[in-house]
Structures are given as structure tokens and as C-alpha cells.
Protein backbone atom coordinates (compact mmCIF):
# COMPACT_ATOMS: atom_id res chain seq x y z
CA MET A 1 135.06 -42.38 65.84
CA PRO A 2 134.54 -39.77 63.12
CA MET A 3 133.79 -42.05 60.12
CA PHE A 4 132.55 -40.31 57.00
CA ASP A 5 131.34 -41.44 53.58
CA PHE A 6 133.06 -39.90 50.56
CA VAL A 7 132.83 -40.07 46.76
CA CYS A 8 135.87 -39.32 44.63
CA THR A 9 135.07 -36.73 41.96
CA SER A 10 137.88 -38.06 39.75
CA CYS A 11 136.98 -41.77 39.56
CA GLN A 12 133.53 -41.87 41.29
CA HIS A 13 134.77 -44.42 43.84
CA ALA A 14 132.66 -44.44 47.03
CA PHE A 15 134.50 -45.11 50.30
CA GLU A 16 134.51 -44.53 54.05
CA ALA A 17 137.35 -42.84 55.86
CA LEU A 18 138.28 -42.08 59.45
CA VAL A 19 138.93 -38.33 59.61
CA ARG A 20 140.66 -36.72 62.57
CA GLY A 21 140.89 -32.98 62.88
CA SER A 22 141.31 -31.14 59.60
CA ALA A 23 143.01 -34.03 57.78
CA GLN A 24 141.95 -34.43 54.16
CA PRO A 25 141.58 -38.10 53.15
CA ALA A 26 142.57 -39.36 49.71
CA CYS A 27 140.70 -41.77 47.46
CA PRO A 28 141.99 -45.33 48.03
CA ALA A 29 141.41 -46.18 44.36
CA CYS A 30 143.20 -43.30 42.59
CA SER A 31 144.84 -41.34 45.47
CA SER A 32 143.04 -38.15 44.44
CA THR A 33 142.14 -35.62 47.12
CA ALA A 34 139.25 -34.26 45.02
CA ILE A 35 136.50 -35.87 47.09
CA GLU A 36 133.02 -34.95 48.29
CA LYS A 37 131.66 -35.78 51.73
CA GLN A 38 128.33 -37.61 51.56
CA LEU A 39 125.46 -37.65 54.02
CA SER A 40 125.59 -40.75 56.19
CA LEU A 41 122.33 -42.35 57.19
CA PRO A 42 121.96 -43.30 60.84
CA ALA A 43 121.33 -46.91 61.77
CA ILE A 44 117.78 -47.33 62.93
CA LYS A 45 116.77 -50.14 65.25
CA THR A 46 113.09 -50.85 65.56
CA SER A 47 111.13 -53.90 66.59
CA SER A 48 110.63 -54.88 62.93
CA THR A 49 114.33 -54.51 61.99
CA HIS A 50 115.27 -56.43 65.15
CA GLY A 51 112.84 -59.20 64.18
CA GLN A 52 114.26 -59.34 60.66
CA ALA A 53 117.82 -59.53 61.99
CA MET A 54 116.89 -62.33 64.40
CA ALA A 55 115.13 -64.31 61.65
CA ALA A 56 118.17 -63.95 59.38
CA ALA A 57 120.47 -65.07 62.20
CA LYS A 58 118.30 -68.13 62.88
CA ARG A 59 118.34 -69.09 59.18
CA ARG A 60 122.12 -68.66 59.09
CA ASP A 61 122.60 -70.72 62.25
CA LYS A 62 120.32 -73.49 60.96
CA ALA A 63 122.25 -73.69 57.68
CA GLN A 64 125.60 -73.76 59.49
CA GLY A 65 124.30 -76.46 61.85
CA GLN A 66 123.22 -78.61 58.91
CA GLU A 67 126.64 -78.16 57.31
CA ARG A 68 128.37 -79.23 60.55
CA VAL A 69 126.16 -82.33 60.84
CA HIS A 70 126.87 -83.25 57.22
CA ALA A 71 130.64 -82.71 57.65
CA GLN A 72 130.64 -84.81 60.84
CA ARG A 73 128.74 -87.61 59.09
CA GLN A 74 131.16 -87.58 56.15
CA TYR A 75 134.09 -87.70 58.55
CA GLU A 76 132.59 -90.68 60.40
CA LEU A 77 131.96 -92.54 57.15
CA SER A 78 135.49 -92.02 55.86
CA HIS A 79 137.22 -92.85 59.17
CA ASP A 80 135.99 -96.33 59.93
CA ASP A 81 137.41 -97.65 63.21
């Protein structure tokens, strides 16, 4: 997909747009067509970025697991059978 980063020269709004062929996108904030295409940086995957992503995912999963355990415990306490 041809996704590009743009900055509107009228309102300085930064946005991404899918551009097909010679279509000229408009700014979603002010509808101006006075925009500048920006350089997009490629996503880089290295062993260190992979490790950081995995560590962040583990922290997120641990926090969500603790929230589920707490919610289950609160449910059990409030629904005494």
C-alpha cells in the first residue's frame, strides 16, 4: 500500500494518507490541498528492538493478568452463593 506522511502548509497538521496514482490528498483538519510530502522512516527490526518489544509485551500481559485476577476476585466476593 502506498502510504505517505504529509504536513499541511496551511495549518501544520501532520497526517498519513493512502495515495493511489496521481491523486492529491487533502488535509483532514482543514481540507487544504497545500501539503508537503515528508520522508518516512523505515521500520527497523533488530535483536535489541525485538527484545524491547517482547519485554513490553510481557509487562502488559502481566498487568492485564493481575487486573483479570482482581476482577474475578471482586466478582466472587460480590456474588456469594
